[in-house]
Amino acid sequence: MVDGTNTKGQVSINNNGTISYDPNGQFDNLEADETATDSFSYTINDGQGGTDTATVNLTINGVSATTQPNDSSDSGDNTIGYNIIDDYDNSNTGKQINSLEGTNNGDVFVLGNGSTAFYNQSNWDDRAEISGFNALEDQIQLHGSPSDYQLIQRNGDTRIFLTEGTKEMIGIISGYSEPVSLTDDIFSYVSGTDSGTDTPEEPVNQAPTATNDTDSTDNAANNRIEGGNGNDELTGKGGGDTFVYQQPADGTDMITDFDASEGDRFEISASGFGGGLTVGTLASEQFVLGTVAMESDDRFLYDTASGNLFFDVDGIGSQTSTLLATLDGNPTLSANEFSIVA
């Protein structure tokens, strides 16, 4: 009998009575010069009432993230539009490292995810090593949802791990160490189960106009939507969409399908809005649920009853607030859904 109650890896008894231990992807974040420990105990019964118990202590040595053979490389060669760069491998040579190199334009890096099989393709199981990643233009497409993955930043890189099944590393963003979350705009998610190798939907950069428009992206990718001047109706159609506002005077828009759980967010220009906004995620104290500012540093007011989103440049000061948008259906909103840019 084997007791693996507190064992991180996976222990099994073979038909010939031997015991096998599998790290089961639990130590993939170890560097080449690092070690970890694990243990399990087993009990032997002689069949006549006699037993003996022993504990096996294990040392797991880390290996370099690039010690596996380099199977293939892929880079886009377009000079305009989005390049689709994937780590699909139609060979059956086992798990490999695929080198994916970004281009001078926006790229979509499509990563397979091992056990859950991207698009039901059993060969989407390689590890992708992404170089030349540009967070302002590029995206990484994964299968499933943010909860299926974990990010670990080590030695100046960002590593992407599965959280279930094999719990293995499936991708490395080389040289990228900026603070990042799986719900950020650089990640998009698909849940398709097609048996073919479908091309993912390309993100749309919705250009602003000075008129009252109805703007829809017509796809479920992570899109940038900017209505510009005028009272516009904006629709993202699924995916993590970014609704861009350059100044409070852009007009009062209707956003038909804002959903923070899909990664939707607002991008606000600090220089265009003023009010002491600083680059980064909006400070929680600058966001208020309600229609009236309560403090001098309150800037964005969200009425959960109507879905109206206001901007107040001076909080409890003398200037009146400006209605930026109405969010249809009164969805949940917090400071985390606001990215402040220069």
C-alpha atoms as a PDB file:
ATOM      1  CA  MET A   1       0.000   0.000   0.000  1.00  0.00           C
ATOM      2  CA  VAL A   2       1.270   3.469  -0.914  1.00  0.00           C
ATOM      3  CA  ASP A   3       0.375   6.611   1.022  1.00  0.00           C
ATOM      4  CA  GLY A   4       0.749   9.696  -1.166  1.00  0.00           C
ATOM      5  CA  THR A   5      -1.519  11.971   0.859  1.00  0.00           C
ATOM      6  CA  ASN A   6       0.960  14.838   1.046  1.00  0.00           C
ATOM      7  CA  THR A   7       2.874  13.960  -2.102  1.00  0.00           C
ATOM      8  CA  LYS A   8       3.077  16.656  -4.780  1.00  0.00           C
ATOM      9  CA  GLY A   9       3.862  14.221  -7.567  1.00  0.00           C
ATOM     10  CA  GLN A  10       1.958  11.108  -8.583  1.00  0.00           C
ATOM     11  CA  VAL A  11       2.752   7.667  -7.156  1.00  0.00           C
ATOM     12  CA  SER A  12       1.498   4.370  -8.590  1.00  0.00           C
ATOM     13  CA  ILE A  13       2.063   0.651  -7.982  1.00  0.00           C
ATOM     14  CA  ASN A  14       3.022  -1.374 -11.050  1.00  0.00           C
ATOM     15  CA  ASN A  15       1.787  -4.895 -11.827  1.00  0.00           C
ATOM     16  CA  ASN A  16       5.181  -6.340 -10.912  1.00  0.00           C
ATOM     17  CA  GLY A  17       5.050  -4.790  -7.435  1.00  0.00           C
ATOM     18  CA  THR A  18       7.425  -1.902  -8.140  1.00  0.00           C
ATOM     19  CA  ILE A  19       6.500   1.696  -7.411  1.00  0.00           C
ATOM     20  CA  SER A  20       6.680   4.530  -9.955  1.00  0.00           C
ATOM     21  CA  TYR A  21       6.924   8.233  -9.166  1.00  0.00           C
ATOM     22  CA  ASP A  22       5.929  10.959 -11.657  1.00  0.00           C
ATOM     23  CA  PRO A  23       6.620  14.648 -10.829  1.00  0.00           C
ATOM     24  CA  ASN A  24       3.375  15.321 -12.750  1.00  0.00           C
ATOM     25  CA  GLY A  25       4.388  18.828 -13.785  1.00  0.00           C
ATOM     26  CA  GLN A  26       4.483  20.083 -10.201  1.00  0.00           C
ATOM     27  CA  PHE A  27       8.081  21.277 -10.402  1.00  0.00           C
ATOM     28  CA  ASP A  28       8.246  22.826 -13.878  1.00  0.00           C
ATOM     29  CA  ASN A  29       9.072  26.242 -12.420  1.00  0.00           C
ATOM     30  CA  LEU A  30      12.422  25.037 -11.089  1.00  0.00           C
ATOM     31  CA  GLU A  31      15.519  26.534 -12.668  1.00  0.00           C
ATOM     32  CA  ALA A  32      18.477  24.393 -13.727  1.00  0.00           C
ATOM     33  CA  ASP A  33      20.332  25.158 -10.487  1.00  0.00           C
ATOM     34  CA  GLU A  34      17.360  24.684  -8.148  1.00  0.00           C
ATOM     35  CA  THR A  35      15.997  21.653  -6.327  1.00  0.00           C
ATOM     36  CA  ALA A  36      12.820  20.672  -4.503  1.00  0.00           C
ATOM     37  CA  THR A  37      11.863  17.754  -2.295  1.00  0.00           C
ATOM     38  CA  ASP A  38       8.945  15.360  -2.214  1.00  0.00           C
ATOM     39  CA  SER A  39       8.161  12.150  -0.348  1.00  0.00           C
ATOM     40  CA  PHE A  40       5.754   9.264   0.007  1.00  0.00           C
ATOM     41  CA  SER A  41       5.467   6.251   2.281  1.00  0.00           C
ATOM     42  CA  TYR A  42       4.606   2.639   1.562  1.00  0.00           C
ATOM     43  CA  THR A  43       3.637  -0.400   3.617  1.00  0.00           C
ATOM     44  CA  ILE A  44       4.533  -4.008   2.770  1.00  0.00           C
ATOM     45  CA  ASN A  45       2.350  -6.887   4.000  1.00  0.00           C
ATOM     46  CA  ASP A  46       3.806 -10.408   4.021  1.00  0.00           C
ATOM     47  CA  GLY A  47       0.344 -11.970   3.907  1.00  0.00           C
ATOM     48  CA  GLN A  48       0.689 -13.500   7.377  1.00  0.00           C
ATOM     49  CA  GLY A  49       0.047 -10.437   9.503  1.00  0.00           C
ATOM     50  CA  GLY A  50       3.507  -8.941   9.288  1.00  0.00           C
ATOM     51  CA  THR A  51       3.914  -5.412   7.921  1.00  0.00           C
ATOM     52  CA  ASP A  52       6.711  -2.928   7.452  1.00  0.00           C
ATOM     53  CA  THR A  53       6.451   0.781   6.556  1.00  0.00           C
ATOM     54  CA  ALA A  54       9.097   2.987   4.968  1.00  0.00           C
ATOM     55  CA  THR A  55       9.319   6.538   3.649  1.00  0.00           C
ATOM     56  CA  VAL A  56      10.894   7.483   0.328  1.00  0.00           C
ATOM     57  CA  ASN A  57      12.450  10.954   0.210  1.00  0.00           C
ATOM     58  CA  LEU A  58      13.017  12.418  -3.245  1.00  0.00           C
ATOM     59  CA  THR A  59      15.061  15.330  -4.573  1.00  0.00           C
ATOM     60  CA  ILE A  60      13.826  16.882  -7.807  1.00  0.00           C
ATOM     61  CA  ASN A  61      16.430  18.730  -9.851  1.00  0.00           C
ATOM     62  CA  GLY A  62      15.370  21.597 -12.095  1.00  0.00           C
ATOM     63  CA  VAL A  63      16.377  21.663 -15.737  1.00  0.00           C
ATOM     64  CA  SER A  64      16.750  24.505 -18.178  1.00  0.00           C
ATOM     65  CA  ALA A  65      13.524  25.611 -19.833  1.00  0.00           C
ATOM     66  CA  THR A  66      15.228  25.167 -23.196  1.00  0.00           C
ATOM     67  CA  THR A  67      16.892  21.754 -22.775  1.00  0.00           C
ATOM     68  CA  GLN A  68      14.222  20.035 -24.867  1.00  0.00           C
ATOM     69  CA  PRO A  69      14.951  19.775 -28.593  1.00  0.00           C
ATOM     70  CA  ASN A  70      13.911  22.772 -30.642  1.00  0.00           C
ATOM     71  CA  ASP A  71      11.356  21.366 -33.049  1.00  0.00           C
ATOM     72  CA  SER A  72      10.420  24.309 -35.226  1.00  0.00           C
ATOM     73  CA  SER A  73      10.220  28.052 -35.533  1.00  0.00           C
ATOM     74  CA  ASP A  74       7.560  30.340 -36.905  1.00  0.00           C
ATOM     75  CA  SER A  75       7.477  34.035 -37.637  1.00  0.00           C
ATOM     76  CA  GLY A  76       5.029  36.198 -39.526  1.00  0.00           C
ATOM     77  CA  ASP A  77       6.226  37.935 -42.653  1.00  0.00           C
ATOM     78  CA  ASN A  78       3.426  40.418 -43.272  1.00  0.00           C
ATOM     79  CA  THR A  79       4.098  44.147 -43.103  1.00  0.00           C
ATOM     80  CA  ILE A  80       0.488  45.126 -42.452  1.00  0.00           C
ATOM     81  CA  GLY A  81      -2.354  43.633 -40.424  1.00  0.00           C
ATOM     82  CA  TYR A  82      -2.122  40.952 -37.736  1.00  0.00           C
ATOM     83  CA  ASN A  83       0.150  37.942 -38.208  1.00  0.00           C
ATOM     84  CA  ILE A  84      -1.093  34.582 -36.921  1.00  0.00           C
ATOM     85  CA  ILE A  85       1.866  32.743 -35.366  1.00  0.00           C
ATOM     86  CA  ASP A  86       1.128  29.315 -33.867  1.00  0.00           C
ATOM     87  CA  ASP A  87       2.935  26.400 -32.263  1.00  0.00           C
ATOM     88  CA  TYR A  88       0.906  23.695 -33.996  1.00  0.00           C
ATOM     89  CA  ASP A  89       3.069  20.682 -34.823  1.00  0.00           C
ATOM     90  CA  ASN A  90       1.706  18.087 -37.238  1.00  0.00           C
ATOM     91  CA  SER A  91       4.508  15.676 -36.448  1.00  0.00           C
ATOM     92  CA  ASN A  92       4.282  12.968 -33.813  1.00  0.00           C
ATOM     93  CA  THR A  93       7.733  13.408 -32.318  1.00  0.00           C
ATOM     94  CA  GLY A  94       6.478  14.263 -28.842  1.00  0.00           C
ATOM     95  CA  LYS A  95       6.673  17.505 -26.956  1.00  0.00           C
ATOM     96  CA  GLN A  96       9.097  20.016 -28.424  1.00  0.00           C
ATOM     97  CA  ILE A  97       9.964  23.678 -28.038  1.00  0.00           C
ATOM     98  CA  ASN A  98       8.663  25.851 -30.852  1.00  0.00           C
ATOM     99  CA  SER A  99      10.338  29.234 -31.274  1.00  0.00           C
ATOM    100  CA  LEU A 100       7.786  31.896 -32.180  1.00  0.00           C
ATOM    101  CA  GLU A 101       9.266  35.217 -33.267  1.00  0.00           C
ATOM    102  CA  GLY A 102       7.220  38.410 -33.413  1.00  0.00           C
ATOM    103  CA  THR A 103       7.220  40.810 -36.331  1.00  0.00           C
ATOM    104  CA  ASN A 104       7.205  44.591 -36.639  1.00  0.00           C
ATOM    105  CA  ASN A 105       3.410  44.576 -36.732  1.00  0.00           C
ATOM    106  CA  GLY A 106       0.743  43.248 -34.377  1.00  0.00           C
ATOM    107  CA  ASP A 107       0.981  39.472 -33.883  1.00  0.00           C
ATOM    108  CA  VAL A 108      -1.393  36.864 -32.479  1.00  0.00           C
ATOM    109  CA  PHE A 109       0.563  33.987 -30.895  1.00  0.00           C
ATOM    110  CA  VAL A 110      -1.664  30.895 -30.806  1.00  0.00           C
ATOM    111  CA  LEU A 111      -0.646  28.414 -28.090  1.00  0.00           C
ATOM    112  CA  GLY A 112      -1.841  24.851 -27.703  1.00  0.00           C
ATOM    113  CA  ASN A 113      -2.485  23.747 -24.133  1.00  0.00           C
ATOM    114  CA  GLY A 114      -1.572  20.093 -23.814  1.00  0.00           C
ATOM    115  CA  SER A 115      -4.140  18.014 -21.980  1.00  0.00           C
ATOM    116  CA  THR A 116      -7.277  19.890 -23.009  1.00  0.00           C
ATOM    117  CA  ALA A 117      -6.168  19.953 -26.650  1.00  0.00           C
ATOM    118  CA  PHE A 118      -6.589  23.240 -28.452  1.00  0.00           C
ATOM    119  CA  TYR A 119      -9.365  22.894 -31.057  1.00  0.00           C
ATOM    120  CA  ASN A 120      -9.374  19.193 -30.145  1.00  0.00           C
ATOM    121  CA  GLN A 121      -5.988  18.794 -31.824  1.00  0.00           C
ATOM    122  CA  SER A 122      -3.918  16.203 -29.990  1.00  0.00           C
ATOM    123  CA  ASN A 123      -0.726  17.700 -31.420  1.00  0.00           C
ATOM    124  CA  TRP A 124      -1.190  21.147 -29.864  1.00  0.00           C
ATOM    125  CA  ASP A 125       1.089  20.028 -27.069  1.00  0.00           C
ATOM    126  CA  ASP A 126       4.410  21.757 -27.684  1.00  0.00           C
ATOM    127  CA  ARG A 127       5.983  24.457 -25.566  1.00  0.00           C
ATOM    128  CA  ALA A 128       6.132  27.852 -27.247  1.00  0.00           C
ATOM    129  CA  GLU A 129       9.081  30.168 -26.703  1.00  0.00           C
ATOM    130  CA  ILE A 130       7.932  33.642 -27.769  1.00  0.00           C
ATOM    131  CA  SER A 131      10.482  36.301 -28.641  1.00  0.00           C
ATOM    132  CA  GLY A 132       9.991  39.845 -29.849  1.00  0.00           C
ATOM    133  CA  PHE A 133       6.742  40.222 -27.891  1.00  0.00           C
ATOM    134  CA  ASN A 134       5.259  43.747 -27.935  1.00  0.00           C
ATOM    135  CA  ALA A 135       2.529  44.228 -25.314  1.00  0.00           C
ATOM    136  CA  LEU A 136       1.187  47.296 -27.124  1.00  0.00           C
ATOM    137  CA  GLU A 137       0.421  45.366 -30.322  1.00  0.00           C
ATOM    138  CA  ASP A 138       0.613  41.617 -29.734  1.00  0.00           C
ATOM    139  CA  GLN A 139      -1.716  39.077 -28.173  1.00  0.00           C
ATOM    140  CA  ILE A 140      -1.391  35.511 -26.937  1.00  0.00           C
ATOM    141  CA  GLN A 141      -4.354  33.247 -27.631  1.00  0.00           C
ATOM    142  CA  LEU A 142      -5.098  30.374 -25.260  1.00  0.00           C
ATOM    143  CA  HIS A 143      -7.815  27.748 -25.051  1.00  0.00           C
ATOM    144  CA  GLY A 144     -10.363  27.942 -22.236  1.00  0.00           C
ATOM    145  CA  SER A 145     -10.332  30.743 -19.662  1.00  0.00           C
ATOM    146  CA  PRO A 146      -7.885  32.595 -17.359  1.00  0.00           C
ATOM    147  CA  SER A 147      -8.585  30.123 -14.533  1.00  0.00           C
ATOM    148  CA  ASP A 148      -7.020  27.325 -16.621  1.00  0.00           C
ATOM    149  CA  TYR A 149      -3.572  28.929 -16.438  1.00  0.00           C
ATOM    150  CA  GLN A 150      -0.955  30.347 -14.077  1.00  0.00           C
ATOM    151  CA  LEU A 151       1.771  32.915 -14.728  1.00  0.00           C
ATOM    152  CA  ILE A 152       5.197  32.726 -13.072  1.00  0.00           C
ATOM    153  CA  GLN A 153       7.842  35.371 -13.736  1.00  0.00           C
ATOM    154  CA  ARG A 154      11.435  34.210 -13.368  1.00  0.00           C
ATOM    155  CA  ASN A 155      14.792  35.505 -14.620  1.00  0.00           C
ATOM    156  CA  GLY A 156      13.237  38.258 -16.724  1.00  0.00           C
ATOM    157  CA  ASP A 157      10.747  35.957 -18.501  1.00  0.00           C
ATOM    158  CA  THR A 158       7.023  35.286 -18.082  1.00  0.00           C
ATOM    159  CA  ARG A 159       6.050  31.605 -18.066  1.00  0.00           C
ATOM    160  CA  ILE A 160       2.604  30.200 -18.744  1.00  0.00           C
ATOM    161  CA  PHE A 161       1.518  27.017 -16.932  1.00  0.00           C
ATOM    162  CA  LEU A 162      -1.583  24.864 -17.032  1.00  0.00           C
ATOM    163  CA  THR A 163      -3.346  24.692 -13.665  1.00  0.00           C
ATOM    164  CA  GLU A 164      -5.039  21.333 -14.303  1.00  0.00           C
ATOM    165  CA  GLY A 165      -4.152  18.035 -15.912  1.00  0.00           C
ATOM    166  CA  THR A 166      -0.444  17.895 -16.664  1.00  0.00           C
ATOM    167  CA  LYS A 167       0.278  21.202 -14.879  1.00  0.00           C
ATOM    168  CA  GLU A 168       3.107  21.762 -17.304  1.00  0.00           C
ATOM    169  CA  MET A 169       4.683  24.872 -18.745  1.00  0.00           C
ATOM    170  CA  ILE A 170       3.233  25.556 -22.193  1.00  0.00           C
ATOM    171  CA  GLY A 171       4.840  28.873 -23.047  1.00  0.00           C
ATOM    172  CA  ILE A 172       7.604  31.346 -22.250  1.00  0.00           C
ATOM    173  CA  ILE A 173       7.439  35.042 -23.127  1.00  0.00           C
ATOM    174  CA  SER A 174      11.168  35.662 -23.371  1.00  0.00           C
ATOM    175  CA  GLY A 175      12.418  38.937 -21.976  1.00  0.00           C
ATOM    176  CA  TYR A 176       8.970  40.045 -20.768  1.00  0.00           C
ATOM    177  CA  SER A 177       8.876  40.856 -17.055  1.00  0.00           C
ATOM    178  CA  GLU A 178       6.318  43.659 -16.828  1.00  0.00           C
ATOM    179  CA  PRO A 179       3.523  43.154 -14.251  1.00  0.00           C
ATOM    180  CA  VAL A 180       0.863  41.111 -16.014  1.00  0.00           C
ATOM    181  CA  SER A 181      -2.375  39.249 -15.309  1.00  0.00           C
ATOM    182  CA  LEU A 182      -4.139  36.524 -17.275  1.00  0.00           C
ATOM    183  CA  THR A 183      -7.101  38.890 -17.643  1.00  0.00           C
ATOM    184  CA  ASP A 184      -4.982  41.620 -19.267  1.00  0.00           C
ATOM    185  CA  ASP A 185      -5.462  42.630 -22.881  1.00  0.00           C
ATOM    186  CA  ILE A 186      -2.410  40.704 -24.072  1.00  0.00           C
ATOM    187  CA  PHE A 187      -4.312  37.429 -23.556  1.00  0.00           C
ATOM    188  CA  SER A 188      -7.371  36.210 -25.437  1.00  0.00           C
ATOM    189  CA  TYR A 189      -9.274  32.966 -25.019  1.00  0.00           C
ATOM    190  CA  VAL A 190     -11.200  30.639 -27.310  1.00  0.00           C
ATOM    191  CA  SER A 191     -13.365  27.647 -26.456  1.00  0.00           C
ATOM    192  CA  GLY A 192     -13.859  26.192 -29.931  1.00  0.00           C
ATOM    193  CA  THR A 193     -13.821  22.422 -30.425  1.00  0.00           C
ATOM    194  CA  ASP A 194     -13.357  22.308 -34.187  1.00  0.00           C
ATOM    195  CA  SER A 195     -11.344  19.374 -35.457  1.00  0.00           C
ATOM    196  CA  GLY A 196      -9.511  21.542 -37.975  1.00  0.00           C
ATOM    197  CA  THR A 197      -6.880  24.223 -37.530  1.00  0.00           C
ATOM    198  CA  ASP A 198      -9.129  27.261 -37.676  1.00  0.00           C
ATOM    199  CA  THR A 199      -7.551  30.682 -37.992  1.00  0.00           C
ATOM    200  CA  PRO A 200      -8.424  32.740 -34.899  1.00  0.00           C
ATOM    201  CA  GLU A 201     -10.466  35.881 -35.355  1.00  0.00           C
ATOM    202  CA  GLU A 202      -8.279  38.913 -35.845  1.00  0.00           C
ATOM    203  CA  PRO A 203      -8.681  41.801 -33.397  1.00  0.00           C
ATOM    204  CA  VAL A 204     -10.289  44.944 -34.739  1.00  0.00           C
ATOM    205  CA  ASN A 205      -8.973  48.447 -34.127  1.00  0.00           C
ATOM    206  CA  GLN A 206     -12.225  50.427 -34.441  1.00  0.00           C
ATOM    207  CA  ALA A 207     -11.344  53.888 -35.771  1.00  0.00           C
ATOM    208  CA  PRO A 208     -12.998  56.911 -34.111  1.00  0.00           C
ATOM    209  CA  THR A 209     -15.240  59.333 -35.988  1.00  0.00           C
ATOM    210  CA  ALA A 210     -16.836  62.682 -35.194  1.00  0.00           C
ATOM    211  CA  THR A 211     -20.389  61.478 -35.805  1.00  0.00           C
ATOM    212  CA  ASN A 212     -23.052  59.544 -33.934  1.00  0.00           C
ATOM    213  CA  ASP A 213     -22.234  55.983 -35.025  1.00  0.00           C
ATOM    214  CA  THR A 214     -23.214  52.399 -34.364  1.00  0.00           C
ATOM    215  CA  ASP A 215     -19.863  50.604 -34.084  1.00  0.00           C
ATOM    216  CA  SER A 216     -19.682  46.811 -33.867  1.00  0.00           C
ATOM    217  CA  THR A 217     -16.561  44.652 -34.256  1.00  0.00           C
ATOM    218  CA  ASP A 218     -18.476  41.607 -35.548  1.00  0.00           C
ATOM    219  CA  ASN A 219     -16.034  39.207 -33.885  1.00  0.00           C
ATOM    220  CA  ALA A 220     -15.166  37.777 -30.473  1.00  0.00           C
ATOM    221  CA  ALA A 221     -11.485  38.727 -30.454  1.00  0.00           C
ATOM    222  CA  ASN A 222      -9.892  41.283 -28.123  1.00  0.00           C
ATOM    223  CA  ASN A 223     -10.716  44.525 -29.914  1.00  0.00           C
ATOM    224  CA  ARG A 224      -9.961  48.222 -29.422  1.00  0.00           C
ATOM    225  CA  ILE A 225     -13.051  50.364 -29.917  1.00  0.00           C
ATOM    226  CA  GLU A 226     -12.986  54.157 -29.972  1.00  0.00           C
ATOM    227  CA  GLY A 227     -16.165  56.043 -30.766  1.00  0.00           C
ATOM    228  CA  GLY A 228     -14.544  59.473 -30.832  1.00  0.00           C
ATOM    229  CA  ASN A 229     -16.732  62.571 -30.850  1.00  0.00           C
ATOM    230  CA  GLY A 230     -20.468  62.101 -30.925  1.00  0.00           C
ATOM    231  CA  ASN A 231     -22.901  59.825 -29.139  1.00  0.00           C
ATOM    232  CA  ASP A 232     -22.046  56.326 -30.354  1.00  0.00           C
ATOM    233  CA  GLU A 233     -23.385  52.830 -29.811  1.00  0.00           C
ATOM    234  CA  LEU A 234     -20.438  50.490 -29.199  1.00  0.00           C
ATOM    235  CA  THR A 235     -20.524  46.675 -29.279  1.00  0.00           C
ATOM    236  CA  GLY A 236     -17.543  44.398 -28.693  1.00  0.00           C
ATOM    237  CA  LYS A 237     -19.204  41.051 -29.569  1.00  0.00           C
ATOM    238  CA  GLY A 238     -17.398  38.966 -26.932  1.00  0.00           C
ATOM    239  CA  GLY A 239     -13.708  38.742 -26.066  1.00  0.00           C
ATOM    240  CA  GLY A 240     -11.745  41.167 -23.921  1.00  0.00           C
ATOM    241  CA  ASP A 241     -12.498  44.498 -25.601  1.00  0.00           C
ATOM    242  CA  THR A 242     -10.929  47.869 -24.804  1.00  0.00           C
ATOM    243  CA  PHE A 243     -13.147  50.947 -25.032  1.00  0.00           C
ATOM    244  CA  VAL A 244     -10.908  53.947 -25.648  1.00  0.00           C
ATOM    245  CA  TYR A 245     -11.629  57.494 -24.438  1.00  0.00           C
ATOM    246  CA  GLN A 246      -9.291  60.387 -25.223  1.00  0.00           C
ATOM    247  CA  GLN A 247     -11.205  63.179 -23.426  1.00  0.00           C
ATOM    248  CA  PRO A 248     -14.468  63.709 -21.512  1.00  0.00           C
ATOM    249  CA  ALA A 249     -15.894  65.704 -24.430  1.00  0.00           C
ATOM    250  CA  ASP A 250     -15.822  62.667 -26.736  1.00  0.00           C
ATOM    251  CA  GLY A 251     -19.575  62.305 -26.260  1.00  0.00           C
ATOM    252  CA  THR A 252     -21.973  60.056 -24.395  1.00  0.00           C
ATOM    253  CA  ASP A 253     -21.819  56.502 -25.739  1.00  0.00           C
ATOM    254  CA  MET A 254     -23.998  53.438 -25.249  1.00  0.00           C
ATOM    255  CA  ILE A 255     -21.911  50.296 -24.667  1.00  0.00           C
ATOM    256  CA  THR A 256     -24.175  47.345 -25.351  1.00  0.00           C
ATOM    257  CA  ASP A 257     -22.217  44.360 -24.031  1.00  0.00           C
ATOM    258  CA  PHE A 258     -19.578  45.402 -21.476  1.00  0.00           C
ATOM    259  CA  ASP A 259     -18.520  42.336 -19.482  1.00  0.00           C
ATOM    260  CA  ALA A 260     -15.583  42.547 -17.070  1.00  0.00           C
ATOM    261  CA  SER A 261     -15.494  38.748 -16.742  1.00  0.00           C
ATOM    262  CA  GLU A 262     -14.510  38.526 -20.429  1.00  0.00           C
ATOM    263  CA  GLY A 263     -11.725  41.069 -19.950  1.00  0.00           C
ATOM    264  CA  ASP A 264     -13.552  44.196 -21.149  1.00  0.00           C
ATOM    265  CA  ARG A 265     -12.031  47.442 -19.901  1.00  0.00           C
ATOM    266  CA  PHE A 266     -11.748  51.183 -20.436  1.00  0.00           C
ATOM    267  CA  GLU A 267      -8.612  52.922 -21.664  1.00  0.00           C
ATOM    268  CA  ILE A 268      -8.465  56.526 -20.458  1.00  0.00           C
ATOM    269  CA  SER A 269      -5.984  59.199 -21.569  1.00  0.00           C
ATOM    270  CA  ALA A 270      -4.477  60.940 -18.527  1.00  0.00           C
ATOM    271  CA  SER A 271      -3.445  63.966 -20.584  1.00  0.00           C
ATOM    272  CA  GLY A 272      -6.863  64.276 -22.216  1.00  0.00           C
ATOM    273  CA  PHE A 273      -8.897  63.853 -19.031  1.00  0.00           C
ATOM    274  CA  GLY A 274      -6.696  65.627 -16.481  1.00  0.00           C
ATOM    275  CA  GLY A 275      -7.785  65.467 -12.860  1.00  0.00           C
ATOM    276  CA  GLY A 276      -4.434  64.113 -11.686  1.00  0.00           C
ATOM    277  CA  LEU A 277      -4.855  60.669 -13.275  1.00  0.00           C
ATOM    278  CA  THR A 278      -1.654  58.625 -13.331  1.00  0.00           C
ATOM    279  CA  VAL A 279      -0.606  55.891 -15.749  1.00  0.00           C
ATOM    280  CA  GLY A 280      -1.561  52.366 -14.684  1.00  0.00           C
ATOM    281  CA  THR A 281      -4.676  50.770 -13.274  1.00  0.00           C
ATOM    282  CA  LEU A 282      -7.074  53.322 -11.794  1.00  0.00           C
ATOM    283  CA  ALA A 283      -6.596  53.764  -8.044  1.00  0.00           C
ATOM    284  CA  SER A 284      -9.496  52.266  -6.088  1.00  0.00           C
ATOM    285  CA  GLU A 285     -10.054  55.522  -4.191  1.00  0.00           C
ATOM    286  CA  GLN A 286     -10.720  57.303  -7.498  1.00  0.00           C
ATOM    287  CA  PHE A 287     -13.709  55.074  -8.304  1.00  0.00           C
ATOM    288  CA  VAL A 288     -17.124  55.494  -6.658  1.00  0.00           C
ATOM    289  CA  LEU A 289     -20.342  53.497  -6.926  1.00  0.00           C
ATOM    290  CA  GLY A 290     -23.001  56.185  -7.105  1.00  0.00           C
ATOM    291  CA  THR A 291     -23.717  59.459  -8.862  1.00  0.00           C
ATOM    292  CA  VAL A 292     -22.069  61.937  -6.492  1.00  0.00           C
ATOM    293  CA  ALA A 293     -18.387  62.380  -5.630  1.00  0.00           C
ATOM    294  CA  MET A 294     -17.681  61.963  -1.917  1.00  0.00           C
ATOM    295  CA  GLU A 295     -14.001  62.979  -1.806  1.00  0.00           C
ATOM    296  CA  SER A 296     -11.751  65.426  -3.631  1.00  0.00           C
ATOM    297  CA  ASP A 297      -9.920  62.606  -5.434  1.00  0.00           C
ATOM    298  CA  ASP A 298     -13.047  60.810  -6.723  1.00  0.00           C
ATOM    299  CA  ARG A 299     -12.902  60.720 -10.527  1.00  0.00           C
ATOM    300  CA  PHE A 300     -15.109  58.001 -11.996  1.00  0.00           C
ATOM    301  CA  LEU A 301     -18.667  57.557 -10.731  1.00  0.00           C
ATOM    302  CA  TYR A 302     -20.724  54.523 -11.713  1.00  0.00           C
ATOM    303  CA  ASP A 303     -24.457  54.334 -11.082  1.00  0.00           C
ATOM    304  CA  THR A 304     -25.317  50.646 -10.715  1.00  0.00           C
ATOM    305  CA  ALA A 305     -29.039  51.432 -11.053  1.00  0.00           C
ATOM    306  CA  SER A 306     -28.796  53.037 -14.497  1.00  0.00           C
ATOM    307  CA  GLY A 307     -25.416  51.883 -15.855  1.00  0.00           C
ATOM    308  CA  ASN A 308     -24.320  55.509 -16.263  1.00  0.00           C
ATOM    309  CA  LEU A 309     -20.575  56.177 -16.016  1.00  0.00           C
ATOM    310  CA  PHE A 310     -19.483  59.728 -15.144  1.00  0.00           C
ATOM    311  CA  PHE A 311     -16.135  61.508 -14.981  1.00  0.00           C
ATOM    312  CA  ASP A 312     -15.587  64.210 -12.348  1.00  0.00           C
ATOM    313  CA  VAL A 313     -12.387  66.184 -12.855  1.00  0.00           C
ATOM    314  CA  ASP A 314     -12.325  67.707  -9.352  1.00  0.00           C
ATOM    315  CA  GLY A 315     -14.357  65.399  -7.109  1.00  0.00           C
ATOM    316  CA  ILE A 316     -16.274  67.485  -4.583  1.00  0.00           C
ATOM    317  CA  GLY A 317     -15.049  70.672  -6.274  1.00  0.00           C
ATOM    318  CA  SER A 318     -17.202  73.157  -8.151  1.00  0.00           C
ATOM    319  CA  GLN A 319     -17.069  71.546 -11.607  1.00  0.00           C
ATOM    320  CA  THR A 320     -19.900  69.261 -12.657  1.00  0.00           C
ATOM    321  CA  SER A 321     -19.399  65.652 -13.692  1.00  0.00           C
ATOM    322  CA  THR A 322     -19.587  64.521 -17.337  1.00  0.00           C
ATOM    323  CA  LEU A 323     -21.572  61.499 -18.519  1.00  0.00           C
ATOM    324  CA  LEU A 324     -19.149  59.352 -20.538  1.00  0.00           C
ATOM    325  CA  ALA A 325     -21.196  56.269 -21.311  1.00  0.00           C
ATOM    326  CA  THR A 326     -24.165  54.151 -20.392  1.00  0.00           C
ATOM    327  CA  LEU A 327     -23.442  50.448 -19.917  1.00  0.00           C
ATOM    328  CA  ASP A 328     -26.438  48.452 -21.082  1.00  0.00           C
ATOM    329  CA  GLY A 329     -27.683  45.966 -18.496  1.00  0.00           C
ATOM    330  CA  ASN A 330     -25.862  47.695 -15.609  1.00  0.00           C
ATOM    331  CA  PRO A 331     -22.922  45.235 -15.508  1.00  0.00           C
ATOM    332  CA  THR A 332     -20.488  44.985 -12.621  1.00  0.00           C
ATOM    333  CA  LEU A 333     -17.707  47.582 -12.785  1.00  0.00           C
ATOM    334  CA  SER A 334     -14.710  48.423 -10.592  1.00  0.00           C
ATOM    335  CA  ALA A 335     -11.481  50.429 -10.698  1.00  0.00           C
ATOM    336  CA  ASN A 336      -9.713  47.329 -12.039  1.00  0.00           C
ATOM    337  CA  GLU A 337     -11.457  47.781 -15.391  1.00  0.00           C
ATOM    338  CA  PHE A 338      -9.790  51.160 -16.026  1.00  0.00           C
ATOM    339  CA  SER A 339      -6.347  51.434 -17.641  1.00  0.00           C
ATOM    340  CA  ILE A 340      -4.864  54.931 -17.537  1.00  0.00           C
ATOM    341  CA  VAL A 341      -2.440  55.729 -20.351  1.00  0.00           C
ATOM    342  CA  ALA A 342      -0.416  58.849 -21.019  1.00  0.00           C
END
